[in-house]
C-alpha atoms as a PDB file:
ATOM      1  CA  UNK A   1      12.265 -17.365  14.097  1.00  0.00           C
ATOM      2  CA  UNK A   2       9.252 -15.953  11.200  1.00  0.00           C
ATOM      3  CA  UNK A   3       6.740 -13.353  11.211  1.00  0.00           C
ATOM      4  CA  UNK A   4       3.215 -14.249  11.604  1.00  0.00           C
ATOM      5  CA  UNK A   5       1.632 -11.139  10.053  1.00  0.00           C
ATOM      6  CA  UNK A   6       4.202  -9.496   8.178  1.00  0.00           C
ATOM      7  CA  UNK A   7       5.275 -10.303   4.631  1.00  0.00           C
ATOM      8  CA  UNK A   8       8.915  -9.437   3.213  1.00  0.00           C
ATOM      9  CA  UNK A   9       9.226 -11.180  -0.846  1.00  0.00           C
ATOM     10  CA  UNK A  10       7.226  -8.614  -2.745  1.00  0.00           C
ATOM     11  CA  UNK A  11       7.758  -8.273  -6.338  1.00  0.00           C
ATOM     12  CA  UNK A  12       8.162  -4.658  -5.732  1.00  0.00           C
ATOM     13  CA  UNK A  13       9.038  -3.985  -2.521  1.00  0.00           C
ATOM     14  CA  UNK A  14      12.076  -6.130  -3.113  1.00  0.00           C
ATOM     15  CA  UNK A  15      13.224  -3.845  -5.539  1.00  0.00           C
ATOM     16  CA  UNK A  16      13.464  -1.508  -3.031  1.00  0.00           C
ATOM     17  CA  UNK A  17      16.514  -3.437  -1.154  1.00  0.00           C
ATOM     18  CA  UNK A  18      18.157  -2.084  -3.729  1.00  0.00           C
ATOM     19  CA  UNK A  19      18.339   0.905  -2.377  1.00  0.00           C
ATOM     20  CA  UNK A  20      19.159  -0.289   1.160  1.00  0.00           C
ATOM     21  CA  UNK A  21      15.260  -0.659   2.521  1.00  0.00           C
ATOM     22  CA  UNK A  22      13.599  -3.697   3.772  1.00  0.00           C
ATOM     23  CA  UNK A  23      10.090  -3.409   3.694  1.00  0.00           C
ATOM     24  CA  UNK A  24       7.714  -5.354   6.176  1.00  0.00           C
ATOM     25  CA  UNK A  25       4.231  -5.317   4.364  1.00  0.00           C
ATOM     26  CA  UNK A  26       0.820  -6.537   6.259  1.00  0.00           C
ATOM     27  CA  UNK A  27      -1.314  -8.288   3.834  1.00  0.00           C
ATOM     28  CA  UNK A  28      -5.467  -8.605   4.784  1.00  0.00           C
ATOM     29  CA  UNK A  29      -8.204  -9.751   2.844  1.00  0.00           C
ATOM     30  CA  UNK A  30      -9.302  -6.267   0.955  1.00  0.00           C
ATOM     31  CA  UNK A  31     -12.832  -4.731   1.154  1.00  0.00           C
ATOM     32  CA  UNK A  32     -15.661  -7.239   2.483  1.00  0.00           C
ATOM     33  CA  UNK A  33     -13.295 -10.515   1.102  1.00  0.00           C
ATOM     34  CA  UNK A  34     -13.144 -11.693   4.571  1.00  0.00           C
ATOM     35  CA  UNK A  35     -17.081 -11.720   5.356  1.00  0.00           C
ATOM     36  CA  UNK A  36     -16.566 -10.021   8.563  1.00  0.00           C
ATOM     37  CA  UNK A  37     -14.725  -6.403   7.822  1.00  0.00           C
ATOM     38  CA  UNK A  38     -14.482  -3.832   4.785  1.00  0.00           C
ATOM     39  CA  UNK A  39     -11.127  -2.989   5.284  1.00  0.00           C
ATOM     40  CA  UNK A  40     -11.648  -0.717   2.646  1.00  0.00           C
ATOM     41  CA  UNK A  41     -14.207   1.573   3.118  1.00  0.00           C
ATOM     42  CA  UNK A  42     -13.552   3.935   0.084  1.00  0.00           C
ATOM     43  CA  UNK A  43     -12.375   1.701  -2.407  1.00  0.00           C
ATOM     44  CA  UNK A  44     -14.727   1.932  -5.416  1.00  0.00           C
ATOM     45  CA  UNK A  45     -15.974  -0.992  -7.926  1.00  0.00           C
ATOM     46  CA  UNK A  46     -12.967  -0.373 -10.374  1.00  0.00           C
ATOM     47  CA  UNK A  47     -10.887  -0.829  -7.690  1.00  0.00           C
ATOM     48  CA  UNK A  48     -12.225  -3.786  -6.236  1.00  0.00           C
ATOM     49  CA  UNK A  49     -12.321  -5.608  -9.181  1.00  0.00           C
ATOM     50  CA  UNK A  50      -8.749  -4.714 -10.017  1.00  0.00           C
ATOM     51  CA  UNK A  51      -7.172  -4.834  -6.690  1.00  0.00           C
ATOM     52  CA  UNK A  52      -4.220  -7.032  -6.277  1.00  0.00           C
ATOM     53  CA  UNK A  53      -5.170  -9.490  -3.790  1.00  0.00           C
ATOM     54  CA  UNK A  54      -5.223 -12.322  -6.442  1.00  0.00           C
ATOM     55  CA  UNK A  55      -1.821 -11.511  -7.983  1.00  0.00           C
ATOM     56  CA  UNK A  56       1.157 -12.942  -7.570  1.00  0.00           C
ATOM     57  CA  UNK A  57       1.617 -15.158  -4.376  1.00  0.00           C
ATOM     58  CA  UNK A  58      -2.332 -14.124  -4.117  1.00  0.00           C
ATOM     59  CA  UNK A  59      -3.131 -16.520  -6.383  1.00  0.00           C
ATOM     60  CA  UNK A  60      -2.618 -19.416  -4.245  1.00  0.00           C
ATOM     61  CA  UNK A  61      -5.596 -19.904  -2.395  1.00  0.00           C
ATOM     62  CA  UNK A  62      -3.967 -20.730   0.911  1.00  0.00           C
ATOM     63  CA  UNK A  63      -2.492 -17.288   0.996  1.00  0.00           C
ATOM     64  CA  UNK A  64      -5.792 -15.594   0.298  1.00  0.00           C
ATOM     65  CA  UNK A  65      -6.834 -17.924   3.576  1.00  0.00           C
ATOM     66  CA  UNK A  66      -3.752 -16.796   5.311  1.00  0.00           C
ATOM     67  CA  UNK A  67      -4.657 -13.373   4.929  1.00  0.00           C
ATOM     68  CA  UNK A  68      -8.197 -13.571   5.513  1.00  0.00           C
ATOM     69  CA  UNK A  69      -7.093 -15.354   9.273  1.00  0.00           C
ATOM     70  CA  UNK A  70      -5.299 -12.113   9.719  1.00  0.00           C
ATOM     71  CA  UNK A  71      -8.338  -9.915   9.222  1.00  0.00           C
ATOM     72  CA  UNK A  72     -10.643 -12.229  11.137  1.00  0.00           C
ATOM     73  CA  UNK A  73      -7.567 -11.748  13.925  1.00  0.00           C
ATOM     74  CA  UNK A  74      -7.843  -8.364  14.197  1.00  0.00           C
ATOM     75  CA  UNK A  75     -11.405  -8.220  13.797  1.00  0.00           C
ATOM     76  CA  UNK A  76     -12.159 -10.657  16.665  1.00  0.00           C
ATOM     77  CA  UNK A  77      -8.954  -9.748  19.109  1.00  0.00           C
ATOM     78  CA  UNK A  78      -7.027  -6.617  18.254  1.00  0.00           C
ATOM     79  CA  UNK A  79      -4.967  -6.870  21.667  1.00  0.00           C
ATOM     80  CA  UNK A  80      -3.956 -10.293  20.634  1.00  0.00           C
ATOM     81  CA  UNK A  81      -3.341  -9.241  17.093  1.00  0.00           C
ATOM     82  CA  UNK A  82      -1.300  -5.678  17.876  1.00  0.00           C
ATOM     83  CA  UNK A  83       0.382  -7.425  19.984  1.00  0.00           C
ATOM     84  CA  UNK A  84       1.848 -10.071  17.642  1.00  0.00           C
ATOM     85  CA  UNK A  85       2.695  -7.336  15.274  1.00  0.00           C
ATOM     86  CA  UNK A  86       4.887  -6.007  17.983  1.00  0.00           C
ATOM     87  CA  UNK A  87       7.042  -8.580  17.848  1.00  0.00           C
ATOM     88  CA  UNK A  88       6.755  -9.383  14.353  1.00  0.00           C
ATOM     89  CA  UNK A  89       8.551  -5.378  13.965  1.00  0.00           C
ATOM     90  CA  UNK A  90      11.157  -6.923  16.441  1.00  0.00           C
ATOM     91  CA  UNK A  91      12.014  -9.634  14.802  1.00  0.00           C
ATOM     92  CA  UNK A  92      11.843  -7.438  11.017  1.00  0.00           C
ATOM     93  CA  UNK A  93      14.329  -4.978  13.135  1.00  0.00           C
ATOM     94  CA  UNK A  94      16.766  -8.021  13.589  1.00  0.00           C
ATOM     95  CA  UNK A  95      16.235  -9.476   9.941  1.00  0.00           C
ATOM     96  CA  UNK A  96      16.910  -6.055   8.623  1.00  0.00           C
ATOM     97  CA  UNK A  97      19.784  -5.900  10.824  1.00  0.00           C
ATOM     98  CA  UNK A  98      21.600  -8.803  10.251  1.00  0.00           C
ATOM     99  CA  UNK A  99      21.229  -8.116   5.903  1.00  0.00           C
ATOM    100  CA  UNK A 100      22.251  -4.260   6.679  1.00  0.00           C
ATOM    101  CA  UNK A 101      19.629  -3.049   5.347  1.00  0.00           C
ATOM    102  CA  UNK A 102      17.066  -0.254   7.288  1.00  0.00           C
ATOM    103  CA  UNK A 103      13.580  -1.321   7.726  1.00  0.00           C
ATOM    104  CA  UNK A 104      10.040   0.278   6.625  1.00  0.00           C
ATOM    105  CA  UNK A 105       6.600  -0.165   7.198  1.00  0.00           C
ATOM    106  CA  UNK A 106       3.853  -0.682   5.104  1.00  0.00           C
ATOM    107  CA  UNK A 107       0.915  -2.031   7.246  1.00  0.00           C
ATOM    108  CA  UNK A 108      -1.702  -1.571   4.808  1.00  0.00           C
ATOM    109  CA  UNK A 109      -0.473  -3.463   1.714  1.00  0.00           C
ATOM    110  CA  UNK A 110      -4.213  -4.827   0.488  1.00  0.00           C
ATOM    111  CA  UNK A 111      -6.382  -2.696   3.122  1.00  0.00           C
ATOM    112  CA  UNK A 112      -6.645   1.242   4.159  1.00  0.00           C
ATOM    113  CA  UNK A 113      -6.923   1.149   8.036  1.00  0.00           C
ATOM    114  CA  UNK A 114      -5.033   3.967   9.248  1.00  0.00           C
ATOM    115  CA  UNK A 115      -4.813   3.704  12.854  1.00  0.00           C
ATOM    116  CA  UNK A 116      -3.018  -0.223  12.700  1.00  0.00           C
ATOM    117  CA  UNK A 117       0.285   2.102  10.803  1.00  0.00           C
ATOM    118  CA  UNK A 118      -0.478   4.897  13.205  1.00  0.00           C
ATOM    119  CA  UNK A 119      -0.705   3.259  16.198  1.00  0.00           C
ATOM    120  CA  UNK A 120       2.707   1.523  15.476  1.00  0.00           C
ATOM    121  CA  UNK A 121       4.283   4.450  13.837  1.00  0.00           C
ATOM    122  CA  UNK A 122       3.612   6.011  17.285  1.00  0.00           C
ATOM    123  CA  UNK A 123       5.089   3.762  18.997  1.00  0.00           C
ATOM    124  CA  UNK A 124       8.637   2.822  16.520  1.00  0.00           C
ATOM    125  CA  UNK A 125       8.996   6.731  15.875  1.00  0.00           C
ATOM    126  CA  UNK A 126      12.507   5.594  14.688  1.00  0.00           C
ATOM    127  CA  UNK A 127      10.857   3.330  11.708  1.00  0.00           C
ATOM    128  CA  UNK A 128       9.297   4.924   8.862  1.00  0.00           C
ATOM    129  CA  UNK A 129       6.082   3.323   7.900  1.00  0.00           C
ATOM    130  CA  UNK A 130       4.437   4.446   4.646  1.00  0.00           C
ATOM    131  CA  UNK A 131       0.400   3.577   2.940  1.00  0.00           C
ATOM    132  CA  UNK A 132      -1.623   4.291  -0.034  1.00  0.00           C
ATOM    133  CA  UNK A 133      -5.046   5.422   0.974  1.00  0.00           C
ATOM    134  CA  UNK A 134      -8.461   6.325  -0.613  1.00  0.00           C
ATOM    135  CA  UNK A 135      -9.587   7.929   2.854  1.00  0.00           C
ATOM    136  CA  UNK A 136     -10.654  11.592   2.498  1.00  0.00           C
ATOM    137  CA  UNK A 137      -8.137  14.523   3.722  1.00  0.00           C
ATOM    138  CA  UNK A 138      -4.990  12.112   3.934  1.00  0.00           C
ATOM    139  CA  UNK A 139      -3.326  14.832   5.169  1.00  0.00           C
ATOM    140  CA  UNK A 140      -4.676  15.085   8.625  1.00  0.00           C
ATOM    141  CA  UNK A 141      -3.243  11.237   9.039  1.00  0.00           C
ATOM    142  CA  UNK A 142       0.189  11.773   8.337  1.00  0.00           C
ATOM    143  CA  UNK A 143       3.214  11.398  11.098  1.00  0.00           C
ATOM    144  CA  UNK A 144       6.302  12.449  10.748  1.00  0.00           C
ATOM    145  CA  UNK A 145       7.419   8.525  10.357  1.00  0.00           C
ATOM    146  CA  UNK A 146       4.026   7.798   8.110  1.00  0.00           C
ATOM    147  CA  UNK A 147       4.158   8.634   4.734  1.00  0.00           C
ATOM    148  CA  UNK A 148       0.552   8.705   3.003  1.00  0.00           C
ATOM    149  CA  UNK A 149       0.108   8.769  -0.841  1.00  0.00           C
ATOM    150  CA  UNK A 150      -3.375   9.077  -2.228  1.00  0.00           C
ATOM    151  CA  UNK A 151      -4.741   6.712  -4.293  1.00  0.00           C
ATOM    152  CA  UNK A 152      -7.105   7.692  -7.378  1.00  0.00           C
ATOM    153  CA  UNK A 153     -10.110   5.584  -8.380  1.00  0.00           C
ATOM    154  CA  UNK A 154     -12.659   6.293 -11.071  1.00  0.00           C
ATOM    155  CA  UNK A 155     -15.160   8.504  -8.926  1.00  0.00           C
ATOM    156  CA  UNK A 156     -12.329  10.650  -6.787  1.00  0.00           C
ATOM    157  CA  UNK A 157     -10.674  13.063  -8.798  1.00  0.00           C
ATOM    158  CA  UNK A 158     -11.831  16.253  -7.095  1.00  0.00           C
ATOM    159  CA  UNK A 159     -10.315  14.446  -3.563  1.00  0.00           C
ATOM    160  CA  UNK A 160      -6.888  13.804  -6.028  1.00  0.00           C
ATOM    161  CA  UNK A 161      -6.903  17.382  -6.266  1.00  0.00           C
ATOM    162  CA  UNK A 162      -7.226  17.967  -3.228  1.00  0.00           C
ATOM    163  CA  UNK A 163      -4.797  16.360  -1.976  1.00  0.00           C
ATOM    164  CA  UNK A 164      -2.407  17.159  -3.927  1.00  0.00           C
ATOM    165  CA  UNK A 165      -2.978  20.935  -3.110  1.00  0.00           C
ATOM    166  CA  UNK A 166      -2.217  19.275   0.209  1.00  0.00           C
ATOM    167  CA  UNK A 167       1.460  18.217  -1.375  1.00  0.00           C
ATOM    168  CA  UNK A 168       0.037  14.666  -1.129  1.00  0.00           C
ATOM    169  CA  UNK A 169       1.003  12.914  -3.652  1.00  0.00           C
ATOM    170  CA  UNK A 170      -1.555  10.753  -5.719  1.00  0.00           C
ATOM    171  CA  UNK A 171      -1.265   7.447  -7.739  1.00  0.00           C
ATOM    172  CA  UNK A 172      -3.014   6.734 -10.838  1.00  0.00           C
ATOM    173  CA  UNK A 173      -3.253   3.382 -12.666  1.00  0.00           C
ATOM    174  CA  UNK A 174      -1.900   4.104 -16.305  1.00  0.00           C
ATOM    175  CA  UNK A 175      -2.637   1.720 -19.095  1.00  0.00           C
ATOM    176  CA  UNK A 176       0.949   1.909 -20.114  1.00  0.00           C
ATOM    177  CA  UNK A 177       2.383  -1.358 -20.713  1.00  0.00           C
ATOM    178  CA  UNK A 178       5.501  -3.228 -18.787  1.00  0.00           C
ATOM    179  CA  UNK A 179       8.599  -1.223 -20.561  1.00  0.00           C
ATOM    180  CA  UNK A 180       6.858   1.727 -22.383  1.00  0.00           C
ATOM    181  CA  UNK A 181       7.032   5.018 -20.347  1.00  0.00           C
ATOM    182  CA  UNK A 182       4.204   6.686 -18.725  1.00  0.00           C
ATOM    183  CA  UNK A 183       2.421  10.376 -19.686  1.00  0.00           C
ATOM    184  CA  UNK A 184       4.185  13.377 -18.684  1.00  0.00           C
ATOM    185  CA  UNK A 185       2.139  14.882 -16.780  1.00  0.00           C
ATOM    186  CA  UNK A 186      -1.468  14.182 -15.396  1.00  0.00           C
ATOM    187  CA  UNK A 187      -3.926  16.534 -14.295  1.00  0.00           C
ATOM    188  CA  UNK A 188      -1.210  19.056 -15.043  1.00  0.00           C
ATOM    189  CA  UNK A 189       0.642  17.863 -12.290  1.00  0.00           C
ATOM    190  CA  UNK A 190       3.690  15.597 -13.326  1.00  0.00           C
ATOM    191  CA  UNK A 191       4.249  12.103 -13.069  1.00  0.00           C
ATOM    192  CA  UNK A 192       6.963  10.322 -11.917  1.00  0.00           C
ATOM    193  CA  UNK A 193       7.721   6.317 -12.414  1.00  0.00           C
ATOM    194  CA  UNK A 194       6.111   4.204  -9.429  1.00  0.00           C
ATOM    195  CA  UNK A 195       6.817   1.203 -10.806  1.00  0.00           C
ATOM    196  CA  UNK A 196      10.621   1.278 -10.096  1.00  0.00           C
ATOM    197  CA  UNK A 197      10.578   0.916  -6.546  1.00  0.00           C
ATOM    198  CA  UNK A 198       7.719   0.871  -3.931  1.00  0.00           C
ATOM    199  CA  UNK A 199       9.482   3.224  -1.510  1.00  0.00           C
ATOM    200  CA  UNK A 200       6.799   6.550  -1.773  1.00  0.00           C
ATOM    201  CA  UNK A 201       8.430   8.282   1.190  1.00  0.00           C
ATOM    202  CA  UNK A 202      11.128   9.247  -0.937  1.00  0.00           C
ATOM    203  CA  UNK A 203       9.347  10.740  -3.794  1.00  0.00           C
ATOM    204  CA  UNK A 204       8.952  14.382  -4.402  1.00  0.00           C
ATOM    205  CA  UNK A 205       6.021  16.064  -3.050  1.00  0.00           C
ATOM    206  CA  UNK A 206       3.238  17.225  -5.033  1.00  0.00           C
ATOM    207  CA  UNK A 207       3.340  14.871  -8.206  1.00  0.00           C
ATOM    208  CA  UNK A 208       1.405  11.558  -9.636  1.00  0.00           C
ATOM    209  CA  UNK A 209       3.078   8.480  -8.780  1.00  0.00           C
ATOM    210  CA  UNK A 210       2.271   6.314 -12.384  1.00  0.00           C
ATOM    211  CA  UNK A 211       1.711   2.691 -11.904  1.00  0.00           C
ATOM    212  CA  UNK A 212       1.233   0.052 -14.654  1.00  0.00           C
ATOM    213  CA  UNK A 213      -1.581  -1.728 -15.062  1.00  0.00           C
ATOM    214  CA  UNK A 214      -1.002  -5.006 -13.674  1.00  0.00           C
ATOM    215  CA  UNK A 215      -3.665  -8.390 -13.019  1.00  0.00           C
ATOM    216  CA  UNK A 216      -7.081  -8.104 -13.795  1.00  0.00           C
ATOM    217  CA  UNK A 217      -6.672  -3.998 -13.591  1.00  0.00           C
ATOM    218  CA  UNK A 218      -5.505  -4.842 -17.581  1.00  0.00           C
ATOM    219  CA  UNK A 219      -8.988  -5.558 -18.147  1.00  0.00           C
ATOM    220  CA  UNK A 220     -10.437  -2.813 -16.457  1.00  0.00           C
ATOM    221  CA  UNK A 221     -13.286  -0.571 -18.216  1.00  0.00           C
ATOM    222  CA  UNK A 222     -14.736   1.169 -15.471  1.00  0.00           C
ATOM    223  CA  UNK A 223     -12.185   4.428 -15.437  1.00  0.00           C
ATOM    224  CA  UNK A 224     -10.277   3.005 -12.776  1.00  0.00           C
ATOM    225  CA  UNK A 225      -7.363   2.929 -15.065  1.00  0.00           C
ATOM    226  CA  UNK A 226      -6.512   5.576 -17.512  1.00  0.00           C
ATOM    227  CA  UNK A 227      -6.578   4.389 -21.056  1.00  0.00           C
ATOM    228  CA  UNK A 228      -4.128   6.583 -23.119  1.00  0.00           C
END
């Protein structure tokens, strides 16, 4: 039985299967692209332009429309949305068990609505949840089974440094090309290669998660991408 809200085929999360993890991702229509709800309240202009919403399968209009429908469901009927998500997680558990993998969940693939992940994390204390966020004070939203990585944009360096002081890692997008090594340090902190897997909850604390610019981000001139 297929899931209605969750996705499991992602070029990056598939890498996690080699480490024994199956990642279920919820993709909504980012920022205000749904026309009814801004799901990325702190998205900068650079972030919006570089968003991976149209990358990979997201380039297909049918996929974009499906993500908009999910967002509309969340906006119009949260009770039904969460009930479907609960059923999806049950199905995902069976999928992971059948494949001999450990299920983990990323419920903000192209959104920044912590309440979705927090609600599900509290209901499923045995599952690991994780997300990227640009919302301030991420350290106050983490749970024993909900890991957050703060995301740098062209206008939030101060918040990035505050997050690092609270042992919350910060994701930074660099102009480094595929196959090339990322810088060793950024803002005085060690840089690890975040492109190896998407399993951010396995990262050491107090580091920069380096990501290579992909898709539209390669053309960024806003400062969202750190040029080297």
